[in-house]
């Protein structure tokens, strides 16, 4: 969902350049749009990265991996 929302332009780009608070005493600019940020959605940067990596796996490969994992769990039970 994050990947699709990002591609559709529904993700907030946040502050950039001179607006970054870590650049000394410069002021933070408000984001250019009202789209939610990852932080507002409760998504950490690492969660976002992992979700996007998983989303990039072809569906048939993903489904095969899930099926194999399910079979291993059932065999252990």
Protein backbone atom coordinates (compact mmCIF):
# COMPACT_ATOMS: atom_id res chain seq x y z
CA UNK A 1 0.00 0.00 0.00
CA UNK A 2 2.85 2.37 0.80
CA UNK A 3 4.40 1.83 -2.61
CA UNK A 4 1.11 2.43 -4.40
CA UNK A 5 0.35 5.49 -2.30
CA UNK A 6 3.85 6.86 -2.92
CA UNK A 7 3.51 6.32 -6.69
CA UNK A 8 0.11 8.01 -6.68
CA UNK A 9 1.57 11.06 -4.95
CA UNK A 10 -0.34 10.44 -1.73
CA UNK A 11 2.68 10.54 0.57
CA UNK A 12 3.95 13.68 2.21
CA UNK A 13 7.45 14.56 1.03
CA UNK A 14 8.24 16.25 4.36
CA UNK A 15 10.73 19.04 4.75
CA UNK A 16 13.81 19.24 2.59
CA UNK A 17 16.98 21.21 2.16
CA UNK A 18 17.12 24.29 4.34
CA UNK A 19 14.05 23.12 6.27
CA UNK A 20 15.82 20.25 7.98
CA UNK A 21 16.02 20.90 11.72
CA UNK A 22 19.49 19.32 11.93
CA UNK A 23 20.99 22.16 9.90
CA UNK A 24 21.66 24.45 12.83
CA UNK A 25 19.34 27.31 13.68
CA UNK A 26 17.40 27.40 10.40
CA UNK A 27 13.65 27.25 10.69
CA UNK A 28 11.67 24.17 9.75
CA UNK A 29 9.36 24.69 6.80
CA UNK A 30 5.92 23.17 6.84
CA UNK A 31 5.44 20.28 4.40
CA UNK A 32 4.13 21.41 1.02
CA UNK A 33 0.98 19.31 1.25
CA UNK A 34 -1.46 17.87 3.75
CA UNK A 35 -0.80 14.21 2.89
CA UNK A 36 0.07 12.13 5.98
CA UNK A 37 3.68 11.51 6.87
CA UNK A 38 4.98 8.03 7.72
CA UNK A 39 5.32 9.15 11.34
CA UNK A 40 1.67 10.26 11.42
CA UNK A 41 0.69 6.84 10.06
CA UNK A 42 2.72 5.10 12.77
CA UNK A 43 5.19 3.68 10.25
CA UNK A 44 8.90 3.73 11.05
CA UNK A 45 11.45 4.24 8.27
CA UNK A 46 12.65 0.64 8.65
CA UNK A 47 9.07 -0.68 8.43
CA UNK A 48 8.54 1.38 5.29
CA UNK A 49 11.75 0.08 3.73
CA UNK A 50 10.92 -3.55 4.51
CA UNK A 51 7.34 -3.18 3.25
CA UNK A 52 8.53 -1.65 -0.01
CA UNK A 53 11.10 -4.43 -0.48
CA UNK A 54 8.43 -7.09 0.09
CA UNK A 55 6.05 -5.27 -2.27
CA UNK A 56 8.66 -5.38 -5.02
CA UNK A 57 8.74 -9.22 -4.97
CA UNK A 58 6.66 -10.64 -7.84
CA UNK A 59 3.30 -11.95 -6.59
CA UNK A 60 3.86 -15.56 -7.70
CA UNK A 61 7.26 -15.67 -5.96
CA UNK A 62 5.74 -14.15 -2.81
CA UNK A 63 2.87 -16.67 -2.78
CA UNK A 64 5.31 -19.56 -3.28
CA UNK A 65 7.44 -18.40 -0.36
CA UNK A 66 4.36 -18.11 1.88
CA UNK A 67 3.18 -21.61 0.83
CA UNK A 68 6.60 -23.11 1.59
CA UNK A 69 6.70 -21.41 4.99
CA UNK A 70 3.19 -22.63 5.80
CA UNK A 71 4.19 -26.20 4.87
CA UNK A 72 7.28 -26.03 7.13
CA UNK A 73 5.17 -24.81 10.05
CA UNK A 74 2.62 -27.58 9.54
CA UNK A 75 5.40 -30.18 9.37
CA UNK A 76 6.81 -28.95 12.70
CA UNK A 77 3.42 -29.15 14.44
